[in-house]
């Protein structure tokens, strides 16, 4: 069965006998809706649309003869240009891991070749770096929504960052900060929700669950619970003394 797929002005045929346009470029026209894109006509027939960048890079001009290999290269170059444009828009919204970029481009239907060429180009431009991404992710988390190492590890792995990069980044104590202090600060910000717990067991279950869901390990959670429960008890005793 012959399948036809269209992406803007690029037409791709799959599973059918189709000969790439081969011949002489007879016309190059800026497109009406986008002057940065050029319509290429081969032997008087529209062949494909390309960017001005591709036009310049490939040295195209009216009268130039294109072979089938030339046409295939043009298609691949143009598809990669589109892929790069999409990737740059994604990165302008927020930093992303390599795996995230690959996954989004795959969803938009770009070929594996175009995706890999795009990833390589982004790396050359220093716009795609999983180590930098991991550090930025952790810095943002620890500044705005503190997490324990376990949660940070899980989040970065879900973002597709390689295990070796994740573990190396998590070894930076200065970047991670003091987990116990972070856990205490986080717990104090919501302790009022649990301060009415009738006993330590109930308080430990509620506060412990909250901290564990944010990736803090058992030892840190246990230490924080002990400290905050003592503070709650002290505050209650102080309040009772003032009421007498």
Protein backbone atom coordinates (compact mmCIF):
# COMPACT_ATOMS: atom_id res chain seq x y z
CA UNK A 1 0.00 0.00 0.00
CA UNK A 2 1.30 3.47 -0.92
CA UNK A 3 1.18 6.02 1.93
CA UNK A 4 1.56 9.77 1.52
CA UNK A 5 2.68 12.01 4.38
CA UNK A 6 2.87 15.81 4.12
CA UNK A 7 4.77 18.16 6.43
CA UNK A 8 4.35 21.78 5.34
CA UNK A 9 5.79 21.67 1.79
CA UNK A 10 7.71 18.41 2.11
CA UNK A 11 6.01 15.34 0.71
CA UNK A 12 7.22 11.89 1.79
CA UNK A 13 6.13 8.68 0.13
CA UNK A 14 6.43 5.34 1.89
CA UNK A 15 6.00 1.78 0.65
CA UNK A 16 5.48 2.71 -2.98
CA UNK A 17 7.41 3.16 -6.20
CA UNK A 18 8.24 6.84 -6.35
CA UNK A 19 11.10 8.47 -8.22
CA UNK A 20 12.64 11.55 -6.64
CA UNK A 21 12.43 14.66 -8.87
CA UNK A 22 15.58 14.80 -10.96
CA UNK A 23 16.25 17.62 -13.36
CA UNK A 24 16.99 21.31 -13.62
CA UNK A 25 15.87 24.01 -11.19
CA UNK A 26 13.67 26.27 -13.27
CA UNK A 27 12.37 28.61 -10.58
CA UNK A 28 13.01 29.72 -6.99
CA UNK A 29 10.23 31.78 -5.40
CA UNK A 30 9.75 33.16 -1.90
CA UNK A 31 6.56 31.68 -0.46
CA UNK A 32 3.60 34.00 0.03
CA UNK A 33 2.97 33.11 3.67
CA UNK A 34 6.64 33.06 4.69
CA UNK A 35 9.28 35.03 2.80
CA UNK A 36 12.00 33.07 4.63
CA UNK A 37 10.96 29.93 2.78
CA UNK A 38 11.62 29.22 -0.88
CA UNK A 39 9.59 27.11 -3.29
CA UNK A 40 11.81 25.05 -5.58
CA UNK A 41 10.53 24.13 -9.05
CA UNK A 42 12.25 21.40 -11.06
CA UNK A 43 11.53 21.35 -14.80
CA UNK A 44 8.58 23.66 -14.21
CA UNK A 45 6.98 21.52 -11.48
CA UNK A 46 6.93 22.35 -7.75
CA UNK A 47 9.30 19.95 -5.97
CA UNK A 48 9.66 21.11 -2.37
CA UNK A 49 9.95 24.07 -0.05
CA UNK A 50 13.21 24.94 1.69
CA UNK A 51 14.50 27.61 4.05
CA UNK A 52 16.75 30.45 2.96
CA UNK A 53 19.45 28.84 5.09
CA UNK A 54 19.24 25.62 3.09
CA UNK A 55 19.15 27.56 -0.19
CA UNK A 56 22.38 29.36 0.70
CA UNK A 57 24.13 26.35 2.20
CA UNK A 58 23.38 24.14 -0.80
CA UNK A 59 24.24 26.85 -3.33
CA UNK A 60 21.00 26.42 -5.27
CA UNK A 61 20.27 28.58 -8.31
CA UNK A 62 18.04 28.56 -11.37
CA UNK A 63 19.66 26.33 -13.96
CA UNK A 64 21.36 24.00 -11.50
CA UNK A 65 20.87 20.32 -12.30
CA UNK A 66 19.84 18.12 -9.37
CA UNK A 67 20.45 14.40 -9.18
CA UNK A 68 18.31 12.06 -7.11
CA UNK A 69 21.02 12.11 -4.43
CA UNK A 70 20.94 15.93 -4.44
CA UNK A 71 17.18 15.91 -3.93
CA UNK A 72 17.35 13.38 -1.11
CA UNK A 73 20.02 15.47 0.59
CA UNK A 74 17.84 18.57 0.27
CA UNK A 75 14.90 16.76 1.84
CA UNK A 76 17.04 15.48 4.70
CA UNK A 77 18.62 18.89 5.27
CA UNK A 78 15.25 20.61 5.28
CA UNK A 79 13.72 18.06 7.64
CA UNK A 80 16.63 18.54 10.03
CA UNK A 81 16.19 22.32 9.83
CA UNK A 82 12.56 21.91 10.87
CA UNK A 83 13.55 19.52 13.62
CA UNK A 84 16.12 22.00 14.94
CA UNK A 85 13.56 24.80 14.88
CA UNK A 86 11.11 22.74 16.93
CA UNK A 87 13.84 21.76 19.40
CA UNK A 88 14.92 25.38 19.86
CA UNK A 89 11.35 26.38 20.64
CA UNK A 90 11.12 23.61 23.22
CA UNK A 91 14.36 24.74 24.84
CA UNK A 92 13.24 28.37 24.88
CA UNK A 93 10.34 27.34 27.12
CA UNK A 94 12.54 25.55 29.67
CA UNK A 95 15.75 23.49 29.85
CA UNK A 96 15.30 19.88 28.75
CA UNK A 97 17.29 16.67 28.81
CA UNK A 98 18.48 14.96 25.63
CA UNK A 99 15.91 12.21 26.13
CA UNK A 100 13.10 14.76 26.44
CA UNK A 101 14.12 16.45 23.18
CA UNK A 102 14.35 13.12 21.37
CA UNK A 103 10.95 12.01 22.67
CA UNK A 104 9.20 15.25 21.67
CA UNK A 105 10.72 15.20 18.18
CA UNK A 106 9.72 11.56 17.73
CA UNK A 107 6.15 12.45 18.68
CA UNK A 108 6.17 15.13 15.98
CA UNK A 109 7.14 12.53 13.39
CA UNK A 110 10.75 13.43 12.64
CA UNK A 111 13.04 10.67 11.41
CA UNK A 112 15.74 9.12 13.57
CA UNK A 113 18.40 10.66 11.31
CA UNK A 114 16.97 14.16 11.65
CA UNK A 115 16.64 13.79 15.40
CA UNK A 116 20.24 12.67 15.86
CA UNK A 117 21.50 15.47 13.61
CA UNK A 118 19.46 17.94 15.65
CA UNK A 119 20.79 16.60 18.95
CA UNK A 120 24.36 16.83 17.65
CA UNK A 121 23.82 20.41 16.47
CA UNK A 122 22.34 21.44 19.82
CA UNK A 123 25.33 19.95 21.60
CA UNK A 124 27.70 21.87 19.32
CA UNK A 125 25.83 25.04 20.28
CA UNK A 126 26.06 24.13 23.99
CA UNK A 127 22.27 24.13 24.18
CA UNK A 128 21.94 20.47 25.15
CA UNK A 129 24.01 19.12 28.04
CA UNK A 130 22.57 16.54 30.43
CA UNK A 131 25.13 17.29 33.14
CA UNK A 132 24.23 20.98 33.07
CA UNK A 133 20.55 20.06 32.95
CA UNK A 134 20.86 17.82 36.02
CA UNK A 135 22.64 20.52 38.00
CA UNK A 136 20.11 23.16 37.01
CA UNK A 137 17.22 20.85 37.89
CA UNK A 138 18.65 20.21 41.36
CA UNK A 139 19.46 23.88 41.97
CA UNK A 140 15.90 24.84 41.06
CA UNK A 141 14.40 22.12 43.24
CA UNK A 142 16.52 22.89 46.27
CA UNK A 143 15.81 26.61 45.98
CA UNK A 144 12.05 26.45 45.47
CA UNK A 145 10.80 22.97 46.36
CA UNK A 146 13.44 21.08 48.39
CA UNK A 147 13.70 17.35 47.81
CA UNK A 148 15.75 14.55 49.26
CA UNK A 149 18.37 12.76 47.19
CA UNK A 150 16.03 9.83 46.53
CA UNK A 151 13.39 12.08 44.98
CA UNK A 152 15.95 14.02 42.95
CA UNK A 153 17.36 10.75 41.62
CA UNK A 154 13.91 9.50 40.59
CA UNK A 155 12.99 12.80 38.93
CA UNK A 156 16.17 12.97 36.87
CA UNK A 157 15.89 9.34 35.81
CA UNK A 158 12.30 9.99 34.68
CA UNK A 159 13.69 12.86 32.61
CA UNK A 160 15.90 10.32 30.85
CA UNK A 161 19.22 11.47 32.30
CA UNK A 162 21.77 8.64 32.28
CA UNK A 163 22.33 6.95 35.63
CA UNK A 164 26.05 7.79 35.66
CA UNK A 165 25.36 11.50 35.21
CA UNK A 166 22.67 11.43 37.88
CA UNK A 167 24.87 9.72 40.45
CA UNK A 168 27.87 11.94 39.72
CA UNK A 169 25.74 15.07 40.11
CA UNK A 170 24.20 13.84 43.36
CA UNK A 171 27.70 13.42 44.81
CA UNK A 172 28.12 17.21 44.85
CA UNK A 173 27.37 18.02 48.50
CA UNK A 174 27.53 21.75 47.86
CA UNK A 175 24.87 21.43 45.17
CA UNK A 176 22.63 19.13 47.20
CA UNK A 177 23.04 21.06 50.44
CA UNK A 178 22.32 19.87 53.98
CA UNK A 179 19.46 17.40 53.59
CA UNK A 180 18.61 17.42 57.29
CA UNK A 181 18.31 21.21 57.37
CA UNK A 182 16.23 21.16 54.20
CA UNK A 183 13.94 18.52 55.67
CA UNK A 184 13.53 20.50 58.90
CA UNK A 185 12.77 23.72 57.00
CA UNK A 186 10.27 21.92 54.80
CA UNK A 187 8.64 20.16 57.76
CA UNK A 188 8.31 23.38 59.76
CA UNK A 189 6.52 25.01 56.85
CA UNK A 190 3.66 22.52 57.21
CA UNK A 191 3.98 21.36 60.83
CA UNK A 192 0.86 23.35 61.76
CA UNK A 193 -1.15 20.83 59.75
CA UNK A 194 -0.02 17.98 61.97
CA UNK A 195 0.58 19.67 65.34
CA UNK A 196 -2.85 18.56 66.56
CA UNK A 197 -1.81 14.90 66.32
CA UNK A 198 -2.94 13.17 69.55
CA UNK A 199 0.37 11.35 70.02
CA UNK A 200 3.85 10.92 68.60
CA UNK A 201 2.91 7.81 66.63
CA UNK A 202 0.23 9.66 64.69
CA UNK A 203 2.49 12.67 64.18
CA UNK A 204 5.33 10.43 62.96
CA UNK A 205 3.05 8.65 60.50
CA UNK A 206 1.68 11.87 59.02
CA UNK A 207 4.86 13.94 58.96
CA UNK A 208 7.02 10.94 58.08
CA UNK A 209 4.86 10.12 55.08
CA UNK A 210 5.09 13.71 53.87
CA UNK A 211 8.89 13.80 54.10
CA UNK A 212 9.39 10.35 52.59
CA UNK A 213 7.26 11.28 49.59
CA UNK A 214 9.72 14.10 49.02
CA UNK A 215 12.66 11.76 48.91
CA UNK A 216 14.23 12.08 52.36
CA UNK A 217 15.69 8.88 53.76
CA UNK A 218 14.57 7.12 56.94
CA UNK A 219 17.36 8.42 59.18
CA UNK A 220 16.71 12.04 58.25
CA UNK A 221 12.95 11.62 58.59
CA UNK A 222 13.34 9.99 62.01
CA UNK A 223 15.65 12.80 63.19
CA UNK A 224 13.29 15.53 61.99
CA UNK A 225 10.28 13.89 63.60
CA UNK A 226 12.08 13.65 66.94
CA UNK A 227 13.12 17.30 66.83
CA UNK A 228 9.75 18.68 65.77
CA UNK A 229 7.76 16.53 68.19
CA UNK A 230 9.91 17.83 71.03
CA UNK A 231 9.29 21.39 69.84
CA UNK A 232 5.55 20.76 69.72
CA UNK A 233 5.56 19.30 73.21
CA UNK A 234 7.62 22.22 74.52
CA UNK A 235 5.27 24.73 72.90
CA UNK A 236 2.22 23.01 74.37
CA UNK A 237 3.78 23.01 77.84
CA UNK A 238 4.67 26.69 77.48
CA UNK A 239 1.10 27.50 76.44
CA UNK A 240 -0.33 25.59 79.41
CA UNK A 241 1.98 27.46 81.83
CA UNK A 242 0.81 30.79 80.46
CA UNK A 243 -2.83 29.77 80.89
CA UNK A 244 -2.35 29.01 84.58
